[in-house]
Structures are given as structure tokens and as C-alpha cells.
Amino acid sequence: MTVNRAKCGEIFRNIATQYDLVNTLMTLGLHHGWRDALVQKLWCDLPQGQGDVLVLDLATGTGDVAMAIGDAAQRVPSHSNGCSGGCAVVAVDRCEEMLRLALIKAEAWKENNALGSRQALSFVAGDAAALPFRSSCFDACTVAFGLRNFEPLECCLEEVRRVLRPSGRLLVLECSRPAHPVLRLLHGWYMRWVVPCLGWAVTGDYRAYRYLNDSVAEFPSGEELCVVLRRCGFTTDPPRPMLLGAVTLYSARVPPHEAR
């Protein structure tokens, strides 16, 4: 099932208001732990002695990862990873309805967390294929469950590499396919039949969650995605499978002292 950029945008507009609820139901709430693992890995990977940190969160959706990064920035002592300055997160999505909901959530989040001057969060409408930022301006980039919607994939990854500083980190959390044949069969059945029916029951849109299944089935998984990342100029760490391989955390880096 191939869906072009316009159709993909329409799908996410249609499910935006129920997006968080369906994510919680179809993962049984486990996606919160996966998100926390992504954020923890981000802080572990940031260079020692870093001053102010600027993080790009792509395909932010309703902003959960961006706000989790802000939460972590408040909890992590400055000496624990060498970061002594503030943290600013720029959250980007091309679906304006998702961003509208993210802004509503962010206002409540800012009030509840009483953010100080060391943290900042902003939202920008934009496309990963043509990011509206100068080169070498971000220390890190996160993408949670959105990379498989990037089109064309390698063009978007090269654009991410452009806006990252030398030694900048890219952290990707993405659906994947279990390596074990039996687990892959069970995973395929769940994604093909259970998830679309659940999505339809909540949102009334069967097609959106059938697209989720098809996009996962067609997207490179595990070491296959690492090969794509290296082809786009990143160095990669070994992928970290979670939930028996149904989800994978990827860590990549722009080479140090890369000429721009």
C-alpha cells in the first residue's frame, strides 16, 4: 500500500484527535516506556562538557517526545552528562492539526512544570525533506514512530544530517518486524487485523490503521535501516530491539569534523 505525501497528511489529519488514545490502546500503554528509553538514550549520548543543548524533534505529532525531553532536562543534574547549560526543543510536524493539539498540550505542560529559563519548547510546521533551519544548528534529532512516513527517506535523512552539528546524534524509535519466524507471524496478524479494527472502532477510520500495518511491513527494519543510515552519511550503533523486536531504538551520529 503506497500512500503519497498528500494522502499521508490527510490520514493523520483525520485521526489527530484520537491519535493519543489509539496509541495507548494498541500498545497497552507500553509506548510510554519506549519513549522514555529514547529520551534516556538521548541524554546518555550527548557529548560531555556540552553547554546549551538544541534538540530537533521531527514528526512530533502531539508533542509527547518533545515534552518528555523537556521533563528530562529538568530532572537531569548538569553534572550527570556534562551538560551545564539549558535545553531547547524545536518540535516539527507537517500535519497542522497535530501541531494544534500539541500546542494545547504544551500550554498545560508548561503551567504544570513551571519551566525555568533553562528549558524552552517551540513548534514549527515543516517537512523533513526541506527543513527550515540553517546547517549545523542542532545537537541532536529525535524521531519517534515517524521515520517510515518520510518520503523520500534518504533525502530526508540527508536533510537531517545537514541540520545536525558534527558529532550530532540522531535517535529513532520505530516499529519493526521481529526476527523470529513465529513472533513475526503473530506480529503480522496483530498489525494486519487487530490494529486496524481497533483504530476503526475508536476513530471510524479503518484505512489509517491499515496504512500503519502496510508501512511497517514495507519499511526497512533492524540492520536494514542501519545500512540506509550509513548510506546517508551517519555512523550507527547496534539497533536495540524492544518488545521482542516489534519496536526498535536506533542511534546514529554525524561524523566529527565533517566538512559542510
Protein backbone atom coordinates (compact mmCIF):
# COMPACT_ATOMS: atom_id res chain seq x y z
CA MET A 1 0.00 0.00 0.00
CA THR A 2 1.78 3.10 -1.24
CA VAL A 3 0.43 6.40 0.08
CA ASN A 4 1.71 9.70 -1.27
CA ARG A 5 2.58 12.68 0.91
CA ALA A 6 -0.80 14.39 0.46
CA LYS A 7 -2.73 11.23 1.34
CA CYS A 8 -0.46 10.58 4.34
CA GLY A 9 -1.20 14.10 5.60
CA GLU A 10 -4.92 13.52 5.15
CA ILE A 11 -4.75 10.28 7.12
CA PHE A 12 -3.10 11.96 10.11
CA ARG A 13 -5.48 14.93 9.99
CA ASN A 14 -8.43 12.56 10.18
CA ILE A 15 -7.18 10.68 13.26
CA ALA A 16 -5.44 13.54 15.08
CA THR A 17 -8.00 13.99 17.88
CA GLN A 18 -7.96 10.27 18.79
CA TYR A 19 -4.27 9.67 17.97
CA ASP A 20 -3.00 9.50 21.57
CA LEU A 21 -5.85 7.27 22.74
CA VAL A 22 -5.37 4.70 19.97
CA ASN A 23 -1.61 4.65 20.57
CA THR A 24 -2.23 3.83 24.23
CA LEU A 25 -4.78 1.12 23.43
CA MET A 26 -2.87 -0.66 20.68
CA THR A 27 0.41 -0.71 22.66
CA LEU A 28 -1.31 -1.34 26.04
CA GLY A 29 0.47 1.79 27.26
CA LEU A 30 3.92 0.37 26.56
CA HIS A 31 4.77 3.24 24.21
CA HIS A 32 5.37 5.47 27.24
CA GLY A 33 8.26 3.24 28.29
CA TRP A 34 9.68 3.16 24.77
CA ARG A 35 9.54 6.95 24.64
CA ASP A 36 11.34 7.17 27.98
CA ALA A 37 14.05 4.82 26.66
CA LEU A 38 14.53 7.15 23.67
CA VAL A 39 14.86 10.20 25.91
CA GLN A 40 17.24 8.43 28.28
CA LYS A 41 19.42 7.37 25.35
CA LEU A 42 19.43 10.94 24.07
CA TRP A 43 20.82 12.29 27.36
CA CYS A 44 23.38 9.49 27.59
CA ASP A 45 24.61 10.22 24.06
CA LEU A 46 25.02 13.98 24.39
CA PRO A 47 28.71 14.98 24.46
CA GLN A 48 30.44 15.59 27.76
CA GLY A 49 31.01 19.25 28.62
CA GLN A 50 28.10 20.40 26.44
CA GLY A 51 26.72 23.87 27.10
CA ASP A 52 23.27 24.82 25.83
CA VAL A 53 21.59 21.90 24.02
CA LEU A 54 19.34 22.35 20.98
CA VAL A 55 17.23 19.31 20.07
CA LEU A 56 15.07 18.81 16.97
CA ASP A 57 12.05 16.51 17.39
CA LEU A 58 10.77 15.52 13.95
CA ALA A 59 7.31 14.07 13.26
CA THR A 60 6.43 15.32 16.73
CA GLY A 61 2.73 14.50 16.40
CA THR A 62 1.04 15.77 19.53
CA GLY A 63 4.38 16.60 21.13
CA ASP A 64 4.84 13.84 23.71
CA VAL A 65 8.52 13.19 22.97
CA ALA A 66 9.34 16.90 22.84
CA MET A 67 7.76 17.43 26.25
CA ALA A 68 9.44 14.30 27.65
CA ILE A 69 12.80 15.75 26.60
CA GLY A 70 11.91 18.95 28.44
CA ASP A 71 10.92 16.96 31.51
CA ALA A 72 14.22 15.07 31.43
CA ALA A 73 16.17 18.31 31.07
CA GLN A 74 14.71 19.48 34.38
CA ARG A 75 15.41 16.19 36.18
CA VAL A 76 18.94 15.52 34.92
CA PRO A 77 21.58 17.31 37.06
CA SER A 78 24.03 19.33 34.99
CA HIS A 79 26.96 17.15 36.03
CA SER A 80 25.37 13.79 35.13
CA ASN A 81 26.05 14.03 31.40
CA GLY A 82 28.34 17.03 31.28
CA CYS A 83 25.62 19.42 30.11
CA SER A 84 25.85 22.66 32.03
CA GLY A 85 23.54 24.91 30.02
CA GLY A 86 19.87 24.97 29.06
CA CYS A 87 17.85 22.76 26.75
CA ALA A 88 15.68 23.99 23.90
CA VAL A 89 13.49 21.66 21.85
CA VAL A 90 12.15 22.55 18.41
CA ALA A 91 9.26 20.21 17.52
CA VAL A 92 8.36 19.86 13.84
CA ASP A 93 5.44 18.20 12.08
CA ARG A 94 3.88 18.71 8.68
CA CYS A 95 0.35 17.98 9.95
CA GLU A 96 -1.04 21.27 11.25
CA GLU A 97 -3.93 19.58 13.06
CA MET A 98 -1.42 17.54 15.07
CA LEU A 99 0.52 20.71 15.87
CA ARG A 100 -2.65 22.46 17.01
CA LEU A 101 -3.27 19.68 19.52
CA ALA A 102 0.40 19.68 20.53
CA LEU A 103 0.24 23.39 21.31
CA ILE A 104 -2.79 22.86 23.56
CA LYS A 105 -1.00 20.07 25.43
CA ALA A 106 2.19 22.12 25.67
CA GLU A 107 0.42 25.06 27.30
CA ALA A 108 -0.86 22.81 30.08
CA TRP A 109 2.52 21.11 30.34
CA LYS A 110 4.33 24.42 30.75
CA GLU A 111 1.95 25.51 33.51
CA ASN A 112 2.26 22.20 35.36
CA ASN A 113 6.03 22.07 35.09
CA ALA A 114 6.77 25.75 35.83
CA LEU A 115 9.54 25.80 33.25
CA GLY A 116 12.53 27.91 34.08
CA SER A 117 14.80 29.80 31.75
CA ARG A 118 16.96 26.70 31.14
CA GLN A 119 14.23 24.95 29.11
CA ALA A 120 12.30 26.08 26.04
CA LEU A 121 9.87 24.38 23.66
CA SER A 122 8.62 25.63 20.31
CA PHE A 123 6.57 24.11 17.49
CA VAL A 124 7.14 24.58 13.75
CA ALA A 125 5.15 23.36 10.76
CA GLY A 126 7.64 21.80 8.37
CA ASP A 127 8.64 18.88 6.21
CA ALA A 128 11.63 16.65 6.86
CA ALA A 129 12.51 16.80 3.17
CA ALA A 130 13.13 20.57 3.36
CA LEU A 131 13.77 21.68 6.93
CA PRO A 132 13.53 25.46 7.50
CA PHE A 133 16.77 25.63 9.50
CA ARG A 134 20.36 26.57 8.77
CA SER A 135 23.02 23.89 8.51
CA SER A 136 24.79 22.51 11.59
CA CYS A 137 22.50 24.09 14.18
CA PHE A 138 21.14 21.15 16.22
CA ASP A 139 22.95 18.96 18.72
CA ALA A 140 20.53 16.08 18.35
CA CYS A 141 17.43 14.95 16.49
CA THR A 142 14.73 12.54 17.64
CA VAL A 143 12.10 10.78 15.54
CA ALA A 144 9.52 8.56 17.25
CA PHE A 145 7.33 6.40 15.01
CA GLY A 146 7.55 8.83 12.12
CA LEU A 147 10.58 7.85 10.06
CA ARG A 148 8.64 5.36 7.93
CA ASN A 149 6.46 8.28 6.76
CA PHE A 150 9.46 10.28 5.48
CA GLU A 151 9.42 10.47 1.70
CA PRO A 152 11.82 10.12 0.03
CA LEU A 153 13.55 8.51 3.01
CA GLU A 154 17.19 9.06 2.05
CA CYS A 155 16.57 12.66 1.03
CA CYS A 156 15.00 13.33 4.44
CA LEU A 157 17.86 11.63 6.29
CA GLU A 158 20.39 13.70 4.38
CA GLU A 159 18.43 16.80 5.33
CA VAL A 160 18.55 15.73 8.98
CA ARG A 161 22.30 15.25 8.70
CA ARG A 162 22.58 18.74 7.20
CA VAL A 163 20.99 20.46 10.19
CA LEU A 164 22.93 18.42 12.77
CA ARG A 165 26.30 19.63 14.02
CA PRO A 166 29.37 17.41 13.62
CA SER A 167 29.02 14.60 16.18
CA GLY A 168 25.31 15.38 16.41
CA ARG A 169 23.10 12.45 17.36
CA LEU A 170 20.06 11.00 15.62
CA LEU A 171 17.78 8.84 17.80
CA VAL A 172 14.99 6.94 16.04
CA LEU A 173 12.23 4.90 17.66
CA GLU A 174 10.34 2.91 15.05
CA CYS A 175 8.06 -0.07 14.55
CA SER A 176 9.92 -3.09 13.26
CA ARG A 177 9.41 -6.76 12.43
CA PRO A 178 10.52 -9.47 14.89
CA ALA A 179 13.34 -11.66 13.61
CA HIS A 180 11.91 -14.93 14.96
CA PRO A 181 9.53 -16.50 12.37
CA VAL A 182 6.80 -17.37 14.88
CA LEU A 183 6.93 -13.95 16.52
CA ARG A 184 6.91 -12.31 13.10
CA LEU A 185 3.79 -14.28 12.17
CA LEU A 186 1.98 -13.27 15.37
CA HIS A 187 3.12 -9.67 14.98
CA GLY A 188 1.90 -9.60 11.37
CA TRP A 189 -1.51 -10.96 12.41
CA TYR A 190 -1.85 -8.35 15.17
CA MET A 191 -0.81 -5.48 12.92
CA ARG A 192 -2.90 -6.60 9.94
CA TRP A 193 -6.16 -7.39 11.71
CA VAL A 194 -6.28 -6.25 15.35
CA VAL A 195 -4.77 -2.76 14.98
CA PRO A 196 -6.96 -1.63 12.02
CA CYS A 197 -10.12 -2.91 13.74
CA LEU A 198 -9.16 -1.17 16.98
CA GLY A 199 -8.37 2.03 15.10
CA TRP A 200 -11.69 1.85 13.26
CA ALA A 201 -13.62 1.29 16.49
CA VAL A 202 -12.13 4.43 18.06
CA THR A 203 -11.69 6.78 15.09
CA GLY A 204 -14.02 5.39 12.44
CA ASP A 205 -11.06 5.29 10.04
CA TYR A 206 -10.01 1.75 9.10
CA ARG A 207 -7.72 2.92 6.30
CA ALA A 208 -5.41 4.91 8.58
CA TYR A 209 -4.51 1.89 10.67
CA ARG A 210 -4.31 -0.41 7.68
CA TYR A 211 -1.74 2.07 6.40
CA LEU A 212 0.17 1.65 9.68
CA ASN A 213 0.41 -2.10 9.08
CA ASP A 214 1.46 -1.73 5.46
CA SER A 215 4.02 1.00 6.17
CA VAL A 216 5.67 -1.17 8.85
CA ALA A 217 5.73 -4.19 6.53
CA GLU A 218 7.39 -2.20 3.73
CA PHE A 219 9.89 -0.24 5.84
CA PRO A 220 13.49 -1.40 6.43
CA SER A 221 13.91 -2.95 9.85
CA GLY A 222 16.86 -3.57 12.18
CA GLU A 223 20.19 -3.75 10.40
CA GLU A 224 18.48 -2.92 7.09
CA LEU A 225 17.68 0.56 8.39
CA CYS A 226 21.21 0.92 9.78
CA VAL A 227 22.52 0.31 6.26
CA VAL A 228 20.31 3.14 4.97
CA LEU A 229 21.52 5.46 7.74
CA ARG A 230 25.17 4.72 6.91
CA ARG A 231 24.49 5.30 3.23
CA CYS A 232 23.21 8.77 4.18
CA GLY A 233 26.45 9.62 5.98
CA PHE A 234 25.74 8.56 9.58
CA THR A 235 27.68 6.16 11.73
CA THR A 236 25.43 3.74 13.63
CA ASP A 237 25.33 1.87 16.91
CA PRO A 238 23.82 -1.62 17.03
CA PRO A 239 20.00 -1.34 16.97
CA ARG A 240 18.20 -2.07 20.24
CA PRO A 241 15.09 -4.26 19.78
CA MET A 242 12.24 -3.90 22.28
CA LEU A 243 9.05 -5.91 22.78
CA LEU A 244 10.66 -8.97 21.15
CA GLY A 245 11.61 -6.91 18.11
CA ALA A 246 8.25 -5.23 17.40
CA VAL A 247 9.87 -1.86 18.17
CA THR A 248 13.50 -0.83 17.70
CA LEU A 249 15.58 2.05 19.02
CA TYR A 250 18.27 3.25 16.61
CA SER A 251 21.20 5.50 17.47
CA ALA A 252 23.27 7.22 14.78
CA ARG A 253 25.81 10.02 14.68
CA VAL A 254 27.14 12.59 12.24
CA PRO A 255 30.90 12.01 11.89
CA PRO A 256 33.00 14.53 13.87
CA HIS A 257 34.69 17.37 11.98
CA GLU A 258 32.56 16.70 8.90
CA ALA A 259 33.15 19.29 6.19
CA ARG A 260 30.00 21.26 5.27
